[in-house]
Amino acid sequence: MTQVTDPFAAAPQLMKQWMAVSLAAEKSLDPGLVELVKIRSSLINACANCINMHTADARSKGETEQRIHLLAAWQEAPCYTDRERAALAWTDALTRIAQGHTQKAAKNALEAHFTPEEQVNLTLMINVINGWNRLAVGFDLWYEQPAAKAA
């Protein structure tokens, strides 16, 4: 069996700072929107750890099963607001940036529904969850959350 590197044990000071940035970015936006963005990014990145964690967190914050499940096909699902759609499109564009720079249309929608400060906050939140996805997938991490156990 391969030993798993625990980033918190291997680099505690930097991980403490990374966690502080993560929490600050998260607190800068609506909690429901944050969970939708975290789940969507984690679906794109196929991060089982983060999908598990953030679907449980979303449920605990009142998100419906329908909206959680439909994030895989949010473009066709009528249950998201225009603001949520703009955030999800921006999440897709930035998470898939290596597949081509397609963010212009998403940026236009973002600008229509978010203030400049919110645009930066959302962009940082997307970067944060992509970073967590890469840590979890890269180090084969699995953190069972109490909310996930309850679900």
C-alpha atoms as a PDB file:
ATOM      1  CA  MET A   1       0.000   0.000   0.000  1.00  0.00           C
ATOM      2  CA  THR A   2       1.258   3.448  -0.902  1.00  0.00           C
ATOM      3  CA  GLN A   3       1.746   5.867   1.952  1.00  0.00           C
ATOM      4  CA  VAL A   4      -0.332   9.030   1.646  1.00  0.00           C
ATOM      5  CA  THR A   5       1.435  12.350   2.178  1.00  0.00           C
ATOM      6  CA  ASP A   6      -0.534  14.536   4.574  1.00  0.00           C
ATOM      7  CA  PRO A   7       0.040  18.118   3.400  1.00  0.00           C
ATOM      8  CA  PHE A   8      -0.860  19.471   6.845  1.00  0.00           C
ATOM      9  CA  ALA A   9       1.874  17.356   8.456  1.00  0.00           C
ATOM     10  CA  ALA A  10       4.429  17.831   5.671  1.00  0.00           C
ATOM     11  CA  ALA A  11       4.131  21.638   5.377  1.00  0.00           C
ATOM     12  CA  PRO A  12       2.135  22.853   8.391  1.00  0.00           C
ATOM     13  CA  GLN A  13       2.974  26.557   8.170  1.00  0.00           C
ATOM     14  CA  LEU A  14       2.175  26.927   4.490  1.00  0.00           C
ATOM     15  CA  MET A  15      -0.971  24.789   4.815  1.00  0.00           C
ATOM     16  CA  LYS A  16      -2.110  26.998   7.711  1.00  0.00           C
ATOM     17  CA  GLN A  17      -1.719  30.028   5.437  1.00  0.00           C
ATOM     18  CA  TRP A  18      -3.476  28.218   2.568  1.00  0.00           C
ATOM     19  CA  MET A  19      -6.369  27.412   4.907  1.00  0.00           C
ATOM     20  CA  ALA A  20      -6.579  31.071   5.970  1.00  0.00           C
ATOM     21  CA  VAL A  21      -6.781  32.187   2.331  1.00  0.00           C
ATOM     22  CA  SER A  22      -9.401  29.516   1.687  1.00  0.00           C
ATOM     23  CA  LEU A  23     -11.569  30.654   4.583  1.00  0.00           C
ATOM     24  CA  ALA A  24     -11.232  34.329   3.656  1.00  0.00           C
ATOM     25  CA  ALA A  25     -12.269  33.647   0.047  1.00  0.00           C
ATOM     26  CA  GLU A  26     -15.179  31.512   1.216  1.00  0.00           C
ATOM     27  CA  LYS A  27     -16.462  34.178   3.620  1.00  0.00           C
ATOM     28  CA  SER A  28     -16.391  36.857   0.904  1.00  0.00           C
ATOM     29  CA  LEU A  29     -19.380  35.368  -0.964  1.00  0.00           C
ATOM     30  CA  ASP A  30     -22.834  33.903  -0.356  1.00  0.00           C
ATOM     31  CA  PRO A  31     -22.403  30.480   1.312  1.00  0.00           C
ATOM     32  CA  GLY A  32     -24.831  28.732  -1.046  1.00  0.00           C
ATOM     33  CA  LEU A  33     -23.081  30.079  -4.120  1.00  0.00           C
ATOM     34  CA  VAL A  34     -19.701  29.057  -2.712  1.00  0.00           C
ATOM     35  CA  GLU A  35     -20.840  25.444  -2.326  1.00  0.00           C
ATOM     36  CA  LEU A  36     -22.223  25.326  -5.882  1.00  0.00           C
ATOM     37  CA  VAL A  37     -18.883  26.601  -7.198  1.00  0.00           C
ATOM     38  CA  LYS A  38     -16.907  24.130  -5.067  1.00  0.00           C
ATOM     39  CA  ILE A  39     -19.016  21.199  -6.228  1.00  0.00           C
ATOM     40  CA  ARG A  40     -18.894  22.225  -9.900  1.00  0.00           C
ATOM     41  CA  SER A  41     -15.123  22.639  -9.907  1.00  0.00           C
ATOM     42  CA  SER A  42     -14.706  19.342  -8.061  1.00  0.00           C
ATOM     43  CA  LEU A  43     -16.924  17.571 -10.617  1.00  0.00           C
ATOM     44  CA  ILE A  44     -14.833  18.931 -13.499  1.00  0.00           C
ATOM     45  CA  ASN A  45     -11.623  17.889 -11.726  1.00  0.00           C
ATOM     46  CA  ALA A  46     -13.057  14.500 -10.685  1.00  0.00           C
ATOM     47  CA  CYS A  47     -12.063  15.097  -7.062  1.00  0.00           C
ATOM     48  CA  ALA A  48     -14.046  12.512  -5.095  1.00  0.00           C
ATOM     49  CA  ASN A  49     -12.865  13.888  -1.755  1.00  0.00           C
ATOM     50  CA  CYS A  50     -14.112  17.396  -2.493  1.00  0.00           C
ATOM     51  CA  ILE A  51     -17.346  16.237  -4.154  1.00  0.00           C
ATOM     52  CA  ASN A  52     -18.094  14.183  -1.040  1.00  0.00           C
ATOM     53  CA  MET A  53     -17.233  17.030   1.304  1.00  0.00           C
ATOM     54  CA  HIS A  54     -18.992  19.873  -0.489  1.00  0.00           C
ATOM     55  CA  THR A  55     -22.196  18.044  -1.375  1.00  0.00           C
ATOM     56  CA  ALA A  56     -22.571  17.256   2.335  1.00  0.00           C
ATOM     57  CA  ASP A  57     -21.769  20.880   3.217  1.00  0.00           C
ATOM     58  CA  ALA A  58     -24.290  22.130   0.640  1.00  0.00           C
ATOM     59  CA  ARG A  59     -27.020  19.874   2.054  1.00  0.00           C
ATOM     60  CA  SER A  60     -26.280  21.095   5.574  1.00  0.00           C
ATOM     61  CA  LYS A  61     -26.719  24.681   4.316  1.00  0.00           C
ATOM     62  CA  GLY A  62     -30.132  23.866   2.833  1.00  0.00           C
ATOM     63  CA  GLU A  63     -29.230  23.071  -0.770  1.00  0.00           C
ATOM     64  CA  THR A  64     -31.617  20.654  -2.487  1.00  0.00           C
ATOM     65  CA  GLU A  65     -30.683  17.260  -3.885  1.00  0.00           C
ATOM     66  CA  GLN A  66     -32.030  18.330  -7.273  1.00  0.00           C
ATOM     67  CA  ARG A  67     -29.730  21.335  -7.560  1.00  0.00           C
ATOM     68  CA  ILE A  68     -26.730  19.359  -6.307  1.00  0.00           C
ATOM     69  CA  HIS A  69     -27.274  16.542  -8.820  1.00  0.00           C
ATOM     70  CA  LEU A  70     -27.965  18.885 -11.720  1.00  0.00           C
ATOM     71  CA  LEU A  71     -24.628  20.675 -11.349  1.00  0.00           C
ATOM     72  CA  ALA A  72     -23.205  18.100 -13.761  1.00  0.00           C
ATOM     73  CA  ALA A  73     -25.499  19.566 -16.449  1.00  0.00           C
ATOM     74  CA  TRP A  74     -26.235  23.028 -15.047  1.00  0.00           C
ATOM     75  CA  GLN A  75     -26.448  24.649 -18.514  1.00  0.00           C
ATOM     76  CA  GLU A  76     -29.643  22.690 -19.295  1.00  0.00           C
ATOM     77  CA  ALA A  77     -31.175  22.803 -15.807  1.00  0.00           C
ATOM     78  CA  PRO A  78     -33.725  25.579 -15.138  1.00  0.00           C
ATOM     79  CA  CYS A  79     -33.244  25.602 -11.354  1.00  0.00           C
ATOM     80  CA  TYR A  80     -30.323  28.059 -11.135  1.00  0.00           C
ATOM     81  CA  THR A  81     -30.614  31.847 -11.014  1.00  0.00           C
ATOM     82  CA  ASP A  82     -28.914  34.061 -13.601  1.00  0.00           C
ATOM     83  CA  ARG A  83     -26.341  35.022 -10.971  1.00  0.00           C
ATOM     84  CA  GLU A  84     -25.618  31.361 -10.185  1.00  0.00           C
ATOM     85  CA  ARG A  85     -25.358  30.602 -13.913  1.00  0.00           C
ATOM     86  CA  ALA A  86     -22.837  33.404 -14.323  1.00  0.00           C
ATOM     87  CA  ALA A  87     -20.777  32.014 -11.429  1.00  0.00           C
ATOM     88  CA  LEU A  88     -20.965  28.463 -12.788  1.00  0.00           C
ATOM     89  CA  ALA A  89     -19.953  29.590 -16.293  1.00  0.00           C
ATOM     90  CA  TRP A  90     -16.997  31.472 -14.793  1.00  0.00           C
ATOM     91  CA  THR A  91     -16.090  28.371 -12.770  1.00  0.00           C
ATOM     92  CA  ASP A  92     -16.165  26.239 -15.917  1.00  0.00           C
ATOM     93  CA  ALA A  93     -14.096  28.740 -17.929  1.00  0.00           C
ATOM     94  CA  LEU A  94     -11.372  29.084 -15.298  1.00  0.00           C
ATOM     95  CA  THR A  95     -11.282  25.428 -14.260  1.00  0.00           C
ATOM     96  CA  ARG A  96     -10.963  24.367 -17.923  1.00  0.00           C
ATOM     97  CA  ILE A  97      -8.626  27.178 -18.955  1.00  0.00           C
ATOM     98  CA  ALA A  98      -6.063  24.725 -20.350  1.00  0.00           C
ATOM     99  CA  GLN A  99      -8.678  23.472 -22.825  1.00  0.00           C
ATOM    100  CA  GLY A 100      -8.848  26.887 -24.476  1.00  0.00           C
ATOM    101  CA  HIS A 101      -9.369  30.461 -23.455  1.00  0.00           C
ATOM    102  CA  THR A 102     -13.154  30.617 -23.638  1.00  0.00           C
ATOM    103  CA  GLN A 103     -13.790  32.981 -20.762  1.00  0.00           C
ATOM    104  CA  LYS A 104     -14.971  36.053 -22.743  1.00  0.00           C
ATOM    105  CA  ALA A 105     -18.680  35.123 -22.796  1.00  0.00           C
ATOM    106  CA  ALA A 106     -18.473  33.938 -19.198  1.00  0.00           C
ATOM    107  CA  LYS A 107     -16.775  37.214 -18.207  1.00  0.00           C
ATOM    108  CA  ASN A 108     -19.578  39.224 -19.817  1.00  0.00           C
ATOM    109  CA  ALA A 109     -22.176  37.312 -17.777  1.00  0.00           C
ATOM    110  CA  LEU A 110     -20.027  37.673 -14.669  1.00  0.00           C
ATOM    111  CA  GLU A 111     -19.833  41.453 -15.116  1.00  0.00           C
ATOM    112  CA  ALA A 112     -23.618  41.645 -15.495  1.00  0.00           C
ATOM    113  CA  HIS A 113     -24.290  39.927 -12.164  1.00  0.00           C
ATOM    114  CA  PHE A 114     -21.289  40.635  -9.911  1.00  0.00           C
ATOM    115  CA  THR A 115     -19.576  43.798  -8.724  1.00  0.00           C
ATOM    116  CA  PRO A 116     -15.854  44.132  -9.513  1.00  0.00           C
ATOM    117  CA  GLU A 117     -15.021  43.134  -5.922  1.00  0.00           C
ATOM    118  CA  GLU A 118     -17.311  40.094  -6.130  1.00  0.00           C
ATOM    119  CA  GLN A 119     -15.701  39.141  -9.447  1.00  0.00           C
ATOM    120  CA  VAL A 120     -12.281  39.065  -7.798  1.00  0.00           C
ATOM    121  CA  ASN A 121     -13.643  37.243  -4.738  1.00  0.00           C
ATOM    122  CA  LEU A 122     -15.312  34.611  -6.924  1.00  0.00           C
ATOM    123  CA  THR A 123     -12.181  34.202  -9.036  1.00  0.00           C
ATOM    124  CA  LEU A 124     -10.114  33.665  -5.897  1.00  0.00           C
ATOM    125  CA  MET A 125     -12.697  31.148  -4.606  1.00  0.00           C
ATOM    126  CA  ILE A 126     -12.468  29.230  -7.902  1.00  0.00           C
ATOM    127  CA  ASN A 127      -8.671  29.231  -7.631  1.00  0.00           C
ATOM    128  CA  VAL A 128      -8.889  28.013  -4.047  1.00  0.00           C
ATOM    129  CA  ILE A 129     -11.163  25.055  -4.805  1.00  0.00           C
ATOM    130  CA  ASN A 130      -9.066  24.121  -7.828  1.00  0.00           C
ATOM    131  CA  GLY A 131      -6.043  24.149  -5.518  1.00  0.00           C
ATOM    132  CA  TRP A 132      -7.783  21.916  -2.985  1.00  0.00           C
ATOM    133  CA  ASN A 133      -8.831  19.571  -5.804  1.00  0.00           C
ATOM    134  CA  ARG A 134      -5.220  19.282  -6.906  1.00  0.00           C
ATOM    135  CA  LEU A 135      -3.993  18.644  -3.370  1.00  0.00           C
ATOM    136  CA  ALA A 136      -6.642  15.980  -2.766  1.00  0.00           C
ATOM    137  CA  VAL A 137      -6.232  14.243  -6.132  1.00  0.00           C
ATOM    138  CA  GLY A 138      -2.448  14.642  -6.195  1.00  0.00           C
ATOM    139  CA  PHE A 139      -1.938  13.169  -2.728  1.00  0.00           C
ATOM    140  CA  ASP A 140      -4.867  10.719  -2.908  1.00  0.00           C
ATOM    141  CA  LEU A 141      -6.511  12.320   0.115  1.00  0.00           C
ATOM    142  CA  TRP A 142      -9.802  11.339   1.694  1.00  0.00           C
ATOM    143  CA  TYR A 143     -11.152  13.270   4.647  1.00  0.00           C
ATOM    144  CA  GLU A 144     -14.465  11.937   5.892  1.00  0.00           C
ATOM    145  CA  GLN A 145     -16.506  14.879   7.096  1.00  0.00           C
ATOM    146  CA  PRO A 146     -19.129  14.567   9.855  1.00  0.00           C
ATOM    147  CA  ALA A 147     -21.754  16.080   7.523  1.00  0.00           C
ATOM    148  CA  ALA A 148     -20.880  13.506   4.850  1.00  0.00           C
ATOM    149  CA  LYS A 149     -21.171  10.668   7.362  1.00  0.00           C
ATOM    150  CA  ALA A 150     -24.605  11.920   8.428  1.00  0.00           C
ATOM    151  CA  ALA A 151     -25.799  12.122   4.825  1.00  0.00           C
END
